[in-house]
């Protein structure tokens, strides 16, 4: 995954902690995808943020208690939204 600035985002992610829908047989935007990730990694949804370019995925994550930021291509807007969550 590359950002518009050419930064390889996966350099900042622990590859052992990536949920790949094809491997678990669940797809976004179905809430079961997000519930799987929360349970598999023992995560509190209040401590999670989804950044996604699909508003349906964002809405589904929010139904599961996960904060969501709709990415529309503007990295600065995502940074601004992340600042709101500290």
C-alpha atoms as a PDB file:
ATOM      1  CA  UNK A   1       0.000   0.000   0.000  1.00  0.00           C
ATOM      2  CA  UNK A   2       1.523   3.295  -1.045  1.00  0.00           C
ATOM      3  CA  UNK A   3       0.427   6.745   0.015  1.00  0.00           C
ATOM      4  CA  UNK A   4       0.096   9.628  -2.456  1.00  0.00           C
ATOM      5  CA  UNK A   5       3.478  10.832  -1.178  1.00  0.00           C
ATOM      6  CA  UNK A   6       5.035   7.512  -2.178  1.00  0.00           C
ATOM      7  CA  UNK A   7       5.481   6.319   1.405  1.00  0.00           C
ATOM      8  CA  UNK A   8       4.989   2.593   1.771  1.00  0.00           C
ATOM      9  CA  UNK A   9       2.415   2.497   4.552  1.00  0.00           C
ATOM     10  CA  UNK A  10       3.045  -1.168   5.338  1.00  0.00           C
ATOM     11  CA  UNK A  11       6.469  -0.121   6.664  1.00  0.00           C
ATOM     12  CA  UNK A  12       4.592   1.193   9.698  1.00  0.00           C
ATOM     13  CA  UNK A  13       2.347  -1.820  10.264  1.00  0.00           C
ATOM     14  CA  UNK A  14       3.227  -5.034  12.048  1.00  0.00           C
ATOM     15  CA  UNK A  15       2.614  -7.530   9.253  1.00  0.00           C
ATOM     16  CA  UNK A  16       1.598 -10.164  11.814  1.00  0.00           C
ATOM     17  CA  UNK A  17      -1.396  -7.991  12.718  1.00  0.00           C
ATOM     18  CA  UNK A  18      -3.037  -7.493   9.351  1.00  0.00           C
ATOM     19  CA  UNK A  19      -6.471  -8.986   8.719  1.00  0.00           C
ATOM     20  CA  UNK A  20      -6.863 -10.069   5.098  1.00  0.00           C
ATOM     21  CA  UNK A  21     -10.466 -10.733   4.135  1.00  0.00           C
ATOM     22  CA  UNK A  22      -9.590 -13.517   1.690  1.00  0.00           C
ATOM     23  CA  UNK A  23      -7.786 -15.408   4.435  1.00  0.00           C
ATOM     24  CA  UNK A  24     -10.623 -15.231   6.963  1.00  0.00           C
ATOM     25  CA  UNK A  25     -13.555 -15.541   4.565  1.00  0.00           C
ATOM     26  CA  UNK A  26     -15.179 -12.297   5.717  1.00  0.00           C
ATOM     27  CA  UNK A  27     -15.433  -9.050   3.784  1.00  0.00           C
ATOM     28  CA  UNK A  28     -15.974  -5.420   4.586  1.00  0.00           C
ATOM     29  CA  UNK A  29     -18.423  -3.784   4.938  1.00  0.00           C
ATOM     30  CA  UNK A  30     -20.054  -6.701   6.786  1.00  0.00           C
ATOM     31  CA  UNK A  31     -19.800  -6.068  10.543  1.00  0.00           C
ATOM     32  CA  UNK A  32     -18.519  -9.629  11.058  1.00  0.00           C
ATOM     33  CA  UNK A  33     -15.232  -8.573   9.449  1.00  0.00           C
ATOM     34  CA  UNK A  34     -14.695  -5.886  12.076  1.00  0.00           C
ATOM     35  CA  UNK A  35     -15.959  -8.125  14.891  1.00  0.00           C
ATOM     36  CA  UNK A  36     -13.456 -10.787  13.812  1.00  0.00           C
ATOM     37  CA  UNK A  37     -10.553  -8.325  13.975  1.00  0.00           C
ATOM     38  CA  UNK A  38     -11.651  -7.018  17.368  1.00  0.00           C
ATOM     39  CA  UNK A  39     -11.903 -10.512  18.848  1.00  0.00           C
ATOM     40  CA  UNK A  40      -8.834 -11.978  17.114  1.00  0.00           C
ATOM     41  CA  UNK A  41      -6.587  -9.291  18.578  1.00  0.00           C
ATOM     42  CA  UNK A  42      -8.521  -8.666  21.798  1.00  0.00           C
ATOM     43  CA  UNK A  43      -9.117  -5.027  20.865  1.00  0.00           C
ATOM     44  CA  UNK A  44     -11.364  -2.512  22.524  1.00  0.00           C
ATOM     45  CA  UNK A  45     -13.278  -0.834  19.665  1.00  0.00           C
ATOM     46  CA  UNK A  46     -13.047   2.481  21.515  1.00  0.00           C
ATOM     47  CA  UNK A  47      -9.267   2.350  20.958  1.00  0.00           C
ATOM     48  CA  UNK A  48      -9.486   1.618  17.229  1.00  0.00           C
ATOM     49  CA  UNK A  49      -9.694   3.848  14.183  1.00  0.00           C
ATOM     50  CA  UNK A  50     -10.491   2.709  10.660  1.00  0.00           C
ATOM     51  CA  UNK A  51      -9.225   4.842   7.788  1.00  0.00           C
ATOM     52  CA  UNK A  52     -10.972   3.762   4.593  1.00  0.00           C
ATOM     53  CA  UNK A  53     -11.920   5.217   1.233  1.00  0.00           C
ATOM     54  CA  UNK A  54     -15.313   3.499   1.259  1.00  0.00           C
ATOM     55  CA  UNK A  55     -18.022   5.229   3.297  1.00  0.00           C
ATOM     56  CA  UNK A  56     -19.936   1.926   3.679  1.00  0.00           C
ATOM     57  CA  UNK A  57     -16.918   0.380   5.394  1.00  0.00           C
ATOM     58  CA  UNK A  58     -16.675   3.400   7.678  1.00  0.00           C
ATOM     59  CA  UNK A  59     -20.352   3.183   8.611  1.00  0.00           C
ATOM     60  CA  UNK A  60     -20.092  -0.542   9.341  1.00  0.00           C
ATOM     61  CA  UNK A  61     -17.018  -0.060  11.532  1.00  0.00           C
ATOM     62  CA  UNK A  62     -18.839   2.663  13.446  1.00  0.00           C
ATOM     63  CA  UNK A  63     -21.733   0.260  14.055  1.00  0.00           C
ATOM     64  CA  UNK A  64     -19.165  -1.955  15.803  1.00  0.00           C
ATOM     65  CA  UNK A  65     -17.981   0.950  17.971  1.00  0.00           C
ATOM     66  CA  UNK A  66     -14.853   1.694  15.922  1.00  0.00           C
ATOM     67  CA  UNK A  67     -14.028   5.304  15.081  1.00  0.00           C
ATOM     68  CA  UNK A  68     -13.818   5.781  11.321  1.00  0.00           C
ATOM     69  CA  UNK A  69     -12.278   8.339   9.021  1.00  0.00           C
ATOM     70  CA  UNK A  70     -13.444   8.435   5.424  1.00  0.00           C
ATOM     71  CA  UNK A  71     -10.345   8.929   3.263  1.00  0.00           C
ATOM     72  CA  UNK A  72     -11.155  10.998   0.197  1.00  0.00           C
ATOM     73  CA  UNK A  73      -7.582  11.363  -1.067  1.00  0.00           C
ATOM     74  CA  UNK A  74      -6.609  14.299   1.133  1.00  0.00           C
ATOM     75  CA  UNK A  75      -3.908  13.144   3.550  1.00  0.00           C
ATOM     76  CA  UNK A  76      -4.032  16.449   5.429  1.00  0.00           C
ATOM     77  CA  UNK A  77      -7.706  15.925   6.153  1.00  0.00           C
ATOM     78  CA  UNK A  78      -6.944  12.488   7.627  1.00  0.00           C
ATOM     79  CA  UNK A  79      -4.194  14.012   9.766  1.00  0.00           C
ATOM     80  CA  UNK A  80      -6.655  16.666  10.976  1.00  0.00           C
ATOM     81  CA  UNK A  81      -9.233  13.998  11.838  1.00  0.00           C
ATOM     82  CA  UNK A  82      -6.610  11.919  13.678  1.00  0.00           C
ATOM     83  CA  UNK A  83      -5.655  14.965  15.751  1.00  0.00           C
ATOM     84  CA  UNK A  84      -9.254  15.106  16.985  1.00  0.00           C
ATOM     85  CA  UNK A  85      -8.759  11.634  18.467  1.00  0.00           C
ATOM     86  CA  UNK A  86      -5.391  12.562  20.020  1.00  0.00           C
END
